[in-house]
Every structure is written in structure tokens, then in C-alpha cells.
Amino acid sequence: MADRLDFKGLTAVITGAGSGIGAALAQALAGRGAHLALADISARGLEQTRDAIGETGVRITTDVLDVADSAAPALYADTVKAAHGGAALLFNNAGIAVGGTFDRVTEADFDRVMDVNFHGVVRMTRAFLPLLQAEPAAQLVNISSLFGIIAPPGQTAYSASKFAVRGFSMSLAHELEGTSVGVTVVHPGGVNTSIAENAKKPADATNEEIAIQMQKAREALVMPPPQAAEIILRHVEKRARRVLVGRDAHAATQLERLFPIRYFDRMKSRLG
């Protein structure tokens, strides 16, 4: 397997490309000469990303896609193959969140988070792996989270989905070792995206509770998405297996490594 990737001329598939990290990855990859197959559940978001990229000379296609639709990823792989001839990069970035402790999250909302964040990654990987394997060098990039390393209260659904992405990616990396396809799992910390704002709230949440949570999100989610995208791409270029994005991700990972059972007590103590 090649040690490094040159993005120029490669086709990159990005889910969740209509906003946040996905949109930033699209712009950064276009600047590096990669062709783009952009997918998102929001047609308006895709249009905004396409407009932000502008004219770069690379081939760009946009398609509305719900990764939670069990049949959609396979059909989308056929669409990408017809439009681009194949794909060498797959960024499984689409994700959603739901707020509230486990007893306040409905079964349907919990299942929806798992279906998008985890099963969507599995479906997209299953659909696109043959295209990746047909390339001389290819990389599968799965976006997990800091909450795929630590598991704070109020994040049972989200953490479950992101821990699942982590485990799936690590096992698949071992299975594909020695082949042309590398696997990278990414753990972003506090990146300033709309995921917290768009997270579904418990039906019984008060306006005061929601306001407090939104303030906490604004204080924690500070890294600009373009900065996160640059960190991710620098490591994907080197075909790294794991990427930690942000000082918070590095610090929390170190704390979890030192205190795998009691790390949250340590975090609470540090935060007062």
C-alpha cells in the first residue's frame, strides 16, 4: 500500500457535504484538485457548498441522499460510478444527534441516531468498497467523534453510534491491511458545526434547559470547520489510521487512557 496519497485527480465521495466539516472537506479537496461526489439530505445545503467552491476546474456532482435509507447507498454508488468512473476516497461524514438522558430519549429517536451515524457508515462502506478496491490506492475515512472515545452523560445515543463507528473502522482496517484500501477513523472535538443546534430535544425539555445546553455548545464547539478539514486531510494524505481533531480531543483521549474507568470524575473535577 502506498505510504501517501496525492488527492489531485482522485474522486472523493463526501456524505453530509451540505454543511460543517463535510462542506469544509469539499472546499479543501477541490482546492487540491480532487473531483467531488457530494451527498447530503439537504438539497439547499449542497447548493450552498457547490456555490462556495466556485469554479475550480474539477468535476463536481451533487445528490440528495439519506444514508438511513437501506437501499439508497447502493443506488448512489451506481450513480457515482456512472458520473465519475469510480471513487478513491470515501468520507462517511453524515451525522445527527439527539439531546437528553437515556430515559428521556424515545426508542425511535435513539434508533434514528444509530441508523444515520452507524448503519449509514456501514451501508456506504458496503456500497463503495468495490469501487475503492478497484483503485491503485484508496482511503475510507469514517468520522467518529470525541464521544467515540469518552462517553459523557446525556449522550447515550450519540456515543453509542460513534463508539460503533470506531470499532467498525478499527476492525475493518485490520481486515484490509496489506491491500490498496486504507481506513482512517476521525475523532473531532469541539468543531463549530450545527449538529448541536439541529439535535432533537426531549419532548419535555424546558426553554431554560434548551438555552443552557445551547450556551454550553457555543462554549465547547469553537474550532472552525475549515481548520478541522485541514487537520483531517493532512492525516488522510499520510493514510493515518486515527485522527484526533482539536486540543480537547487530545486532552480527553489522554485522560481516558490514564483513567479508563474514572476519567469523567477527573473531568468534572477539572471543570469545577
C-alpha atoms as a PDB file:
ATOM      1  CA  MET A   1       0.000   0.000   0.000  1.00  0.00           C
ATOM      2  CA  ALA A   2       1.313   3.435  -0.943  1.00  0.00           C
ATOM      3  CA  ASP A   3       2.530   5.488   2.013  1.00  0.00           C
ATOM      4  CA  ARG A   4       0.964   8.765   0.855  1.00  0.00           C
ATOM      5  CA  LEU A   5      -1.948   9.925  -1.260  1.00  0.00           C
ATOM      6  CA  ASP A   6      -1.936  12.673  -3.847  1.00  0.00           C
ATOM      7  CA  PHE A   7      -5.504  13.990  -3.930  1.00  0.00           C
ATOM      8  CA  LYS A   8      -5.168  15.620  -7.342  1.00  0.00           C
ATOM      9  CA  GLY A   9      -7.304  13.821  -9.899  1.00  0.00           C
ATOM     10  CA  LEU A  10      -8.876  11.443  -7.379  1.00  0.00           C
ATOM     11  CA  THR A  11     -12.639  11.309  -6.878  1.00  0.00           C
ATOM     12  CA  ALA A  12     -13.797  11.924  -3.314  1.00  0.00           C
ATOM     13  CA  VAL A  13     -17.268  10.961  -2.092  1.00  0.00           C
ATOM     14  CA  ILE A  14     -18.453  13.010   0.902  1.00  0.00           C
ATOM     15  CA  THR A  15     -21.680  12.480   2.817  1.00  0.00           C
ATOM     16  CA  GLY A  16     -23.060  15.304   4.930  1.00  0.00           C
ATOM     17  CA  ALA A  17     -21.429  17.662   2.433  1.00  0.00           C
ATOM     18  CA  GLY A  18     -24.075  20.359   2.799  1.00  0.00           C
ATOM     19  CA  SER A  19     -22.628  21.936   5.950  1.00  0.00           C
ATOM     20  CA  GLY A  20     -19.983  21.798   8.661  1.00  0.00           C
ATOM     21  CA  ILE A  21     -16.991  19.505   8.290  1.00  0.00           C
ATOM     22  CA  GLY A  22     -18.385  17.920   5.129  1.00  0.00           C
ATOM     23  CA  ALA A  23     -18.654  21.249   3.319  1.00  0.00           C
ATOM     24  CA  ALA A  24     -15.192  22.266   4.526  1.00  0.00           C
ATOM     25  CA  LEU A  25     -13.708  18.973   3.305  1.00  0.00           C
ATOM     26  CA  ALA A  26     -15.316  19.538  -0.098  1.00  0.00           C
ATOM     27  CA  GLN A  27     -13.791  23.004  -0.449  1.00  0.00           C
ATOM     28  CA  ALA A  28     -10.359  21.870   0.731  1.00  0.00           C
ATOM     29  CA  LEU A  29     -10.310  18.844  -1.570  1.00  0.00           C
ATOM     30  CA  ALA A  30     -11.428  20.922  -4.562  1.00  0.00           C
ATOM     31  CA  GLY A  31      -8.507  23.226  -3.845  1.00  0.00           C
ATOM     32  CA  ARG A  32      -6.216  20.200  -4.010  1.00  0.00           C
ATOM     33  CA  GLY A  33      -7.565  19.169  -7.406  1.00  0.00           C
ATOM     34  CA  ALA A  34      -9.854  16.302  -6.325  1.00  0.00           C
ATOM     35  CA  HIS A  35     -13.099  15.615  -8.150  1.00  0.00           C
ATOM     36  CA  LEU A  36     -16.122  15.585  -5.873  1.00  0.00           C
ATOM     37  CA  ALA A  37     -19.258  13.487  -5.460  1.00  0.00           C
ATOM     38  CA  LEU A  38     -21.166  15.387  -2.794  1.00  0.00           C
ATOM     39  CA  ALA A  39     -24.178  13.966  -0.957  1.00  0.00           C
ATOM     40  CA  ASP A  40     -26.447  15.349   1.743  1.00  0.00           C
ATOM     41  CA  ILE A  41     -30.050  15.071   2.854  1.00  0.00           C
ATOM     42  CA  SER A  42     -30.407  18.823   2.200  1.00  0.00           C
ATOM     43  CA  ALA A  43     -30.548  19.985  -1.418  1.00  0.00           C
ATOM     44  CA  ARG A  44     -30.138  23.590  -0.270  1.00  0.00           C
ATOM     45  CA  GLY A  45     -27.037  22.704   1.717  1.00  0.00           C
ATOM     46  CA  LEU A  46     -25.497  21.017  -1.316  1.00  0.00           C
ATOM     47  CA  GLU A  47     -26.226  24.065  -3.440  1.00  0.00           C
ATOM     48  CA  GLN A  48     -24.529  26.320  -0.888  1.00  0.00           C
ATOM     49  CA  THR A  49     -21.451  24.079  -0.800  1.00  0.00           C
ATOM     50  CA  ARG A  50     -21.292  23.994  -4.584  1.00  0.00           C
ATOM     51  CA  ASP A  51     -21.541  27.785  -4.754  1.00  0.00           C
ATOM     52  CA  ALA A  52     -18.837  28.195  -2.098  1.00  0.00           C
ATOM     53  CA  ILE A  53     -16.416  26.034  -4.090  1.00  0.00           C
ATOM     54  CA  GLY A  54     -16.902  28.102  -7.240  1.00  0.00           C
ATOM     55  CA  GLU A  55     -15.130  27.307 -10.490  1.00  0.00           C
ATOM     56  CA  THR A  56     -12.043  25.215  -9.860  1.00  0.00           C
ATOM     57  CA  GLY A  57     -11.894  23.001 -12.940  1.00  0.00           C
ATOM     58  CA  VAL A  58     -12.723  19.829 -11.012  1.00  0.00           C
ATOM     59  CA  ARG A  59     -15.765  17.668 -11.711  1.00  0.00           C
ATOM     60  CA  ILE A  60     -18.485  18.116  -9.070  1.00  0.00           C
ATOM     61  CA  THR A  61     -21.752  16.236  -8.744  1.00  0.00           C
ATOM     62  CA  THR A  62     -24.374  16.764  -6.029  1.00  0.00           C
ATOM     63  CA  ASP A  63     -27.042  14.277  -4.992  1.00  0.00           C
ATOM     64  CA  VAL A  64     -29.645  14.272  -2.244  1.00  0.00           C
ATOM     65  CA  LEU A  65     -29.043  11.189  -0.122  1.00  0.00           C
ATOM     66  CA  ASP A  66     -30.448   9.803   3.126  1.00  0.00           C
ATOM     67  CA  VAL A  67     -27.861   7.308   4.388  1.00  0.00           C
ATOM     68  CA  ALA A  68     -30.514   5.862   6.717  1.00  0.00           C
ATOM     69  CA  ASP A  69     -32.440   4.614   3.674  1.00  0.00           C
ATOM     70  CA  SER A  70     -31.317   0.987   3.409  1.00  0.00           C
ATOM     71  CA  ALA A  71     -31.432   0.965  -0.407  1.00  0.00           C
ATOM     72  CA  ALA A  72     -30.079   4.446  -1.130  1.00  0.00           C
ATOM     73  CA  PRO A  73     -26.286   3.969  -0.648  1.00  0.00           C
ATOM     74  CA  ALA A  74     -26.059   1.125  -3.178  1.00  0.00           C
ATOM     75  CA  LEU A  75     -28.013   3.143  -5.738  1.00  0.00           C
ATOM     76  CA  TYR A  76     -25.799   6.138  -5.030  1.00  0.00           C
ATOM     77  CA  ALA A  77     -22.661   4.065  -5.666  1.00  0.00           C
ATOM     78  CA  ASP A  78     -24.025   3.259  -9.128  1.00  0.00           C
ATOM     79  CA  THR A  79     -24.699   6.964  -9.689  1.00  0.00           C
ATOM     80  CA  VAL A  80     -21.149   7.921  -8.715  1.00  0.00           C
ATOM     81  CA  LYS A  81     -19.638   5.200 -10.897  1.00  0.00           C
ATOM     82  CA  ALA A  82     -21.661   6.401 -13.879  1.00  0.00           C
ATOM     83  CA  ALA A  83     -20.730  10.054 -13.345  1.00  0.00           C
ATOM     84  CA  HIS A  84     -17.094   9.711 -12.212  1.00  0.00           C
ATOM     85  CA  GLY A  85     -15.995   6.268 -13.347  1.00  0.00           C
ATOM     86  CA  GLY A  86     -15.140   5.265  -9.776  1.00  0.00           C
ATOM     87  CA  ALA A  87     -14.040   6.645  -6.412  1.00  0.00           C
ATOM     88  CA  ALA A  88     -10.770   6.584  -4.474  1.00  0.00           C
ATOM     89  CA  LEU A  89     -11.863   8.460  -1.340  1.00  0.00           C
ATOM     90  CA  LEU A  90     -14.980   7.984   0.778  1.00  0.00           C
ATOM     91  CA  PHE A  91     -15.668  10.352   3.666  1.00  0.00           C
ATOM     92  CA  ASN A  92     -18.511   8.978   5.793  1.00  0.00           C
ATOM     93  CA  ASN A  93     -19.316  12.260   7.497  1.00  0.00           C
ATOM     94  CA  ALA A  94     -23.124  12.464   7.718  1.00  0.00           C
ATOM     95  CA  GLY A  95     -24.360  12.535  11.297  1.00  0.00           C
ATOM     96  CA  ILE A  96     -27.104  13.671  13.656  1.00  0.00           C
ATOM     97  CA  ALA A  97     -27.536  13.990  17.415  1.00  0.00           C
ATOM     98  CA  VAL A  98     -30.316  13.807  19.960  1.00  0.00           C
ATOM     99  CA  GLY A  99     -30.226  15.504  23.356  1.00  0.00           C
ATOM    100  CA  GLY A 100     -31.261  14.176  26.751  1.00  0.00           C
ATOM    101  CA  THR A 101     -30.523  11.344  29.144  1.00  0.00           C
ATOM    102  CA  PHE A 102     -31.400   7.793  28.106  1.00  0.00           C
ATOM    103  CA  ASP A 103     -34.754   7.775  29.914  1.00  0.00           C
ATOM    104  CA  ARG A 104     -35.828  10.917  28.013  1.00  0.00           C
ATOM    105  CA  VAL A 105     -34.822   9.768  24.532  1.00  0.00           C
ATOM    106  CA  THR A 106     -37.535   7.844  22.704  1.00  0.00           C
ATOM    107  CA  GLU A 107     -36.756   4.495  21.150  1.00  0.00           C
ATOM    108  CA  ALA A 108     -37.485   5.927  17.696  1.00  0.00           C
ATOM    109  CA  ASP A 109     -35.069   8.834  18.200  1.00  0.00           C
ATOM    110  CA  PHE A 110     -32.355   6.529  19.561  1.00  0.00           C
ATOM    111  CA  ASP A 111     -32.758   4.181  16.594  1.00  0.00           C
ATOM    112  CA  ARG A 112     -32.659   7.087  14.133  1.00  0.00           C
ATOM    113  CA  VAL A 113     -29.300   8.261  15.501  1.00  0.00           C
ATOM    114  CA  MET A 114     -27.895   4.737  15.190  1.00  0.00           C
ATOM    115  CA  ASP A 115     -29.345   4.361  11.709  1.00  0.00           C
ATOM    116  CA  VAL A 116     -27.729   7.558  10.397  1.00  0.00           C
ATOM    117  CA  ASN A 117     -24.475   7.646  12.342  1.00  0.00           C
ATOM    118  CA  PHE A 118     -23.577   3.962  12.346  1.00  0.00           C
ATOM    119  CA  HIS A 119     -25.686   1.952   9.920  1.00  0.00           C
ATOM    120  CA  GLY A 120     -25.277   4.731   7.352  1.00  0.00           C
ATOM    121  CA  VAL A 121     -21.497   4.323   7.593  1.00  0.00           C
ATOM    122  CA  VAL A 122     -21.799   0.552   7.199  1.00  0.00           C
ATOM    123  CA  ARG A 123     -24.174   0.866   4.225  1.00  0.00           C
ATOM    124  CA  MET A 124     -21.975   3.401   2.456  1.00  0.00           C
ATOM    125  CA  THR A 125     -18.867   1.292   3.093  1.00  0.00           C
ATOM    126  CA  ARG A 126     -20.542  -1.842   1.767  1.00  0.00           C
ATOM    127  CA  ALA A 127     -21.746   0.024  -1.330  1.00  0.00           C
ATOM    128  CA  PHE A 128     -18.474   1.774  -2.149  1.00  0.00           C
ATOM    129  CA  LEU A 129     -15.846  -0.751  -1.071  1.00  0.00           C
ATOM    130  CA  PRO A 130     -15.776  -2.430  -4.509  1.00  0.00           C
ATOM    131  CA  LEU A 131     -15.075   0.949  -6.123  1.00  0.00           C
ATOM    132  CA  LEU A 132     -12.323   1.695  -3.617  1.00  0.00           C
ATOM    133  CA  GLN A 133     -10.785  -1.744  -4.141  1.00  0.00           C
ATOM    134  CA  ALA A 134     -10.648  -1.134  -7.895  1.00  0.00           C
ATOM    135  CA  GLU A 135      -8.275   1.823  -7.358  1.00  0.00           C
ATOM    136  CA  PRO A 136      -4.460   1.560  -7.092  1.00  0.00           C
ATOM    137  CA  ALA A 137      -4.697   3.430  -3.783  1.00  0.00           C
ATOM    138  CA  ALA A 138      -7.856   4.367  -1.886  1.00  0.00           C
ATOM    139  CA  GLN A 139      -8.863   5.565   1.562  1.00  0.00           C
ATOM    140  CA  LEU A 140     -12.035   5.071   3.590  1.00  0.00           C
ATOM    141  CA  VAL A 141     -12.473   7.885   6.131  1.00  0.00           C
ATOM    142  CA  ASN A 142     -15.095   7.428   8.853  1.00  0.00           C
ATOM    143  CA  ILE A 143     -15.962  10.390  11.055  1.00  0.00           C
ATOM    144  CA  SER A 144     -16.486   9.246  14.635  1.00  0.00           C
ATOM    145  CA  SER A 145     -16.268  11.807  17.457  1.00  0.00           C
ATOM    146  CA  LEU A 146     -14.536  12.670  20.700  1.00  0.00           C
ATOM    147  CA  PHE A 147     -17.650  10.968  22.106  1.00  0.00           C
ATOM    148  CA  GLY A 148     -16.464   7.794  20.405  1.00  0.00           C
ATOM    149  CA  ILE A 149     -13.577   7.817  22.895  1.00  0.00           C
ATOM    150  CA  ILE A 150     -15.235   9.231  26.020  1.00  0.00           C
ATOM    151  CA  ALA A 151     -18.909   8.868  26.926  1.00  0.00           C
ATOM    152  CA  PRO A 152     -20.397  11.760  28.903  1.00  0.00           C
ATOM    153  CA  PRO A 153     -23.910  11.672  30.389  1.00  0.00           C
ATOM    154  CA  GLY A 154     -26.695  12.908  28.147  1.00  0.00           C
ATOM    155  CA  GLN A 155     -25.070  11.344  25.064  1.00  0.00           C
ATOM    156  CA  THR A 156     -26.116   7.695  25.214  1.00  0.00           C
ATOM    157  CA  ALA A 157     -27.422   7.515  21.642  1.00  0.00           C
ATOM    158  CA  TYR A 158     -24.711   9.669  20.085  1.00  0.00           C
ATOM    159  CA  SER A 159     -21.856   7.979  21.976  1.00  0.00           C
ATOM    160  CA  ALA A 160     -23.213   4.524  21.187  1.00  0.00           C
ATOM    161  CA  SER A 161     -23.252   5.348  17.486  1.00  0.00           C
ATOM    162  CA  LYS A 162     -19.784   6.906  17.468  1.00  0.00           C
ATOM    163  CA  PHE A 163     -18.196   4.116  19.533  1.00  0.00           C
ATOM    164  CA  ALA A 164     -19.716   1.718  16.982  1.00  0.00           C
ATOM    165  CA  VAL A 165     -18.123   3.659  14.120  1.00  0.00           C
ATOM    166  CA  ARG A 166     -14.783   3.464  15.911  1.00  0.00           C
ATOM    167  CA  GLY A 167     -14.986  -0.300  16.448  1.00  0.00           C
ATOM    168  CA  PHE A 168     -16.186  -0.971  12.915  1.00  0.00           C
ATOM    169  CA  SER A 169     -13.396   1.147  11.431  1.00  0.00           C
ATOM    170  CA  MET A 170     -10.628  -0.407  13.523  1.00  0.00           C
ATOM    171  CA  SER A 171     -11.709  -3.967  12.743  1.00  0.00           C
ATOM    172  CA  LEU A 172     -12.093  -3.199   9.037  1.00  0.00           C
ATOM    173  CA  ALA A 173      -8.633  -1.583   8.982  1.00  0.00           C
ATOM    174  CA  HIS A 174      -7.171  -4.857  10.227  1.00  0.00           C
ATOM    175  CA  GLU A 175      -9.116  -6.837   7.628  1.00  0.00           C
ATOM    176  CA  LEU A 176      -7.898  -4.590   4.787  1.00  0.00           C
ATOM    177  CA  GLU A 177      -4.288  -4.404   5.957  1.00  0.00           C
ATOM    178  CA  GLY A 178      -1.918  -5.115   3.080  1.00  0.00           C
ATOM    179  CA  THR A 179      -4.476  -4.148   0.424  1.00  0.00           C
ATOM    180  CA  SER A 180      -4.778  -0.946  -1.608  1.00  0.00           C
ATOM    181  CA  VAL A 181      -7.535   0.371   0.707  1.00  0.00           C
ATOM    182  CA  GLY A 182      -6.632   2.159   3.927  1.00  0.00           C
ATOM    183  CA  VAL A 183      -9.027   3.081   6.727  1.00  0.00           C
ATOM    184  CA  THR A 184      -8.942   6.271   8.793  1.00  0.00           C
ATOM    185  CA  VAL A 185     -11.201   6.927  11.786  1.00  0.00           C
ATOM    186  CA  VAL A 186     -11.535  10.576  12.810  1.00  0.00           C
ATOM    187  CA  HIS A 187     -12.398  11.871  16.286  1.00  0.00           C
ATOM    188  CA  PRO A 188     -13.248  15.586  16.132  1.00  0.00           C
ATOM    189  CA  GLY A 189     -13.546  17.518  19.372  1.00  0.00           C
ATOM    190  CA  GLY A 190     -15.438  20.788  19.580  1.00  0.00           C
ATOM    191  CA  VAL A 191     -15.898  21.832  15.957  1.00  0.00           C
ATOM    192  CA  ASN A 192     -18.275  24.724  15.285  1.00  0.00           C
ATOM    193  CA  THR A 193     -20.949  22.930  13.280  1.00  0.00           C
ATOM    194  CA  SER A 194     -24.736  22.997  13.511  1.00  0.00           C
ATOM    195  CA  ILE A 195     -25.074  19.466  14.921  1.00  0.00           C
ATOM    196  CA  ALA A 196     -25.901  20.648  18.463  1.00  0.00           C
ATOM    197  CA  GLU A 197     -28.313  23.286  17.187  1.00  0.00           C
ATOM    198  CA  ASN A 198     -30.057  20.713  14.991  1.00  0.00           C
ATOM    199  CA  ALA A 199     -30.093  17.972  17.629  1.00  0.00           C
ATOM    200  CA  LYS A 200     -33.555  16.781  18.543  1.00  0.00           C
ATOM    201  CA  LYS A 201     -34.532  17.803  22.069  1.00  0.00           C
ATOM    202  CA  PRO A 202     -36.586  15.748  24.570  1.00  0.00           C
ATOM    203  CA  ALA A 203     -40.293  16.450  24.263  1.00  0.00           C
ATOM    204  CA  ASP A 204     -40.424  17.583  27.896  1.00  0.00           C
ATOM    205  CA  ALA A 205     -37.369  19.875  27.688  1.00  0.00           C
ATOM    206  CA  THR A 206     -37.999  23.373  29.026  1.00  0.00           C
ATOM    207  CA  ASN A 207     -36.881  26.537  27.271  1.00  0.00           C
ATOM    208  CA  GLU A 208     -34.425  27.126  30.112  1.00  0.00           C
ATOM    209  CA  GLU A 209     -32.868  23.680  29.671  1.00  0.00           C
ATOM    210  CA  ILE A 210     -32.507  24.206  25.930  1.00  0.00           C
ATOM    211  CA  ALA A 211     -30.948  27.642  26.424  1.00  0.00           C
ATOM    212  CA  ILE A 212     -28.392  26.228  28.886  1.00  0.00           C
ATOM    213  CA  GLN A 213     -27.448  23.415  26.528  1.00  0.00           C
ATOM    214  CA  MET A 214     -27.083  25.776  23.580  1.00  0.00           C
ATOM    215  CA  GLN A 215     -24.801  28.014  25.634  1.00  0.00           C
ATOM    216  CA  LYS A 216     -22.658  25.030  26.603  1.00  0.00           C
ATOM    217  CA  ALA A 217     -22.457  24.034  22.944  1.00  0.00           C
ATOM    218  CA  ARG A 218     -21.369  27.529  21.906  1.00  0.00           C
ATOM    219  CA  GLU A 219     -18.605  27.435  24.520  1.00  0.00           C
ATOM    220  CA  ALA A 220     -17.396  23.958  23.528  1.00  0.00           C
ATOM    221  CA  LEU A 221     -17.789  23.968  19.727  1.00  0.00           C
ATOM    222  CA  VAL A 222     -15.189  26.550  18.767  1.00  0.00           C
ATOM    223  CA  MET A 223     -12.891  25.154  16.072  1.00  0.00           C
ATOM    224  CA  PRO A 224     -13.804  26.462  12.579  1.00  0.00           C
ATOM    225  CA  PRO A 225     -14.720  23.614  10.196  1.00  0.00           C
ATOM    226  CA  PRO A 226     -12.027  24.624   7.637  1.00  0.00           C
ATOM    227  CA  GLN A 227      -9.363  24.172  10.318  1.00  0.00           C
ATOM    228  CA  ALA A 228     -10.766  20.738  11.183  1.00  0.00           C
ATOM    229  CA  ALA A 229     -10.832  19.782   7.499  1.00  0.00           C
ATOM    230  CA  GLU A 230      -7.164  20.719   7.061  1.00  0.00           C
ATOM    231  CA  ILE A 231      -6.162  18.581  10.046  1.00  0.00           C
ATOM    232  CA  ILE A 232      -8.158  15.645   8.706  1.00  0.00           C
ATOM    233  CA  LEU A 233      -6.752  15.882   5.183  1.00  0.00           C
ATOM    234  CA  ARG A 234      -3.142  16.187   6.362  1.00  0.00           C
ATOM    235  CA  HIS A 235      -3.551  12.870   8.164  1.00  0.00           C
ATOM    236  CA  VAL A 236      -5.557  11.178   5.411  1.00  0.00           C
ATOM    237  CA  GLU A 237      -2.818  12.168   2.980  1.00  0.00           C
ATOM    238  CA  LYS A 238      -0.417  10.181   5.180  1.00  0.00           C
ATOM    239  CA  ARG A 239      -3.016   7.377   5.426  1.00  0.00           C
ATOM    240  CA  ALA A 240      -3.135   7.597   9.214  1.00  0.00           C
ATOM    241  CA  ARG A 241      -5.416   5.144  10.966  1.00  0.00           C
ATOM    242  CA  ARG A 242      -6.632   7.578  13.620  1.00  0.00           C
ATOM    243  CA  VAL A 243      -7.009  11.343  13.683  1.00  0.00           C
ATOM    244  CA  LEU A 244      -7.687  13.436  16.793  1.00  0.00           C
ATOM    245  CA  VAL A 245      -9.009  16.890  15.902  1.00  0.00           C
ATOM    246  CA  GLY A 246      -8.508  19.638  18.481  1.00  0.00           C
ATOM    247  CA  ARG A 247      -6.738  20.083  21.794  1.00  0.00           C
ATOM    248  CA  ASP A 248      -9.847  18.934  23.623  1.00  0.00           C
ATOM    249  CA  ALA A 249      -9.798  15.645  21.733  1.00  0.00           C
ATOM    250  CA  HIS A 250      -6.118  15.100  22.551  1.00  0.00           C
ATOM    251  CA  ALA A 251      -6.558  16.022  26.229  1.00  0.00           C
ATOM    252  CA  ALA A 252      -9.650  13.880  26.773  1.00  0.00           C
ATOM    253  CA  THR A 253      -8.075  10.922  24.983  1.00  0.00           C
ATOM    254  CA  GLN A 254      -5.031  11.139  27.218  1.00  0.00           C
ATOM    255  CA  LEU A 255      -7.239  11.341  30.312  1.00  0.00           C
ATOM    256  CA  GLU A 256      -9.253   8.310  29.220  1.00  0.00           C
ATOM    257  CA  ARG A 257      -6.046   6.376  28.581  1.00  0.00           C
ATOM    258  CA  LEU A 258      -4.731   7.142  32.071  1.00  0.00           C
ATOM    259  CA  PHE A 259      -8.049   6.668  33.893  1.00  0.00           C
ATOM    260  CA  PRO A 260     -10.225   4.416  31.706  1.00  0.00           C
ATOM    261  CA  ILE A 261     -12.893   3.945  34.391  1.00  0.00           C
ATOM    262  CA  ARG A 262     -12.806   7.193  36.377  1.00  0.00           C
ATOM    263  CA  TYR A 263     -11.925   9.725  33.658  1.00  0.00           C
ATOM    264  CA  PHE A 264     -15.256  11.503  33.897  1.00  0.00           C
ATOM    265  CA  ASP A 265     -14.757  12.168  37.608  1.00  0.00           C
ATOM    266  CA  ARG A 266     -11.385  13.701  36.729  1.00  0.00           C
ATOM    267  CA  MET A 267     -13.003  15.820  34.013  1.00  0.00           C
ATOM    268  CA  LYS A 268     -15.704  17.069  36.393  1.00  0.00           C
ATOM    269  CA  SER A 269     -13.044  17.964  38.947  1.00  0.00           C
ATOM    270  CA  ARG A 270     -11.018  19.929  36.397  1.00  0.00           C
ATOM    271  CA  LEU A 271     -14.101  21.742  35.146  1.00  0.00           C
ATOM    272  CA  GLY A 272     -15.294  22.582  38.653  1.00  0.00           C
END
